[in-house]
């Protein structure tokens, strides 16, 4: 079997038709392949997130990560861009949905697409993955420790985001949640509240809480990295997307 992948920076039409930067990784075979929109974490559109995007490409998915900070800090380093966006209260929810819609549209327009698109997000991106799945027609979603789906940011935090658990009735696709048992945002109590809402509205979902892990346990470049939790989490991601996005 031919095994090759292309990863490159592209321009896509985001919210309101804005041209934004994105990172695309795709197998070079004919497909058809499922698509994954990767939503980066609060630290931004960085090397670690691009590595995650390439990982999906290696595993046979069309994957794209839109740079959600393209407008505030074009050409800036990930740290500077993240600081600029954080100071403004974060990415507005409406704009996030538009950017993810543009990324999904780009994936579906590729000749090797099977038409199915899922979304995955980490940290702030986990909340945004849930938001996108409640706002767009998607086939699968993964929330990796997304804070403030339930609950408010702590006092003094510049983020201007609200809880979005009230959007649960609009969830368009099966949801996989991967959480750290020692996390505070989201805490186990927050996760339990979201689980109750999903059950109440008859949604298809699976939640897994990893003992000994806190926030950002997937982040290989941070002290929070927990190899066992991350390895188990990746296996569940492959099973989930394999079930709902495979050709």
Foldseek 3Di string as FASTA:
>chain_A
DDADKDKDWDWWQFPPRDTFIKIKMATPDLAQAFEEEEEEALLFDAPQSNVVRNVVRNVGYTYMYTGLLCPQDNPDHSNVSSVRQQLVQHRDLSRLLRRVVRVLVVQCPDSNYPSAYAYEYAACGLLSSQSNQLPDQHAEYERELYFQCPDDDDPPGSHDDHHVLVSLLSRNYEYEYEFEQAEVRVHPVRVVVSVVSNVVNVHHYYYDYDYPAYGPCLRPPDPRHDVVSNVVVVVVVCVRCCVGGHD
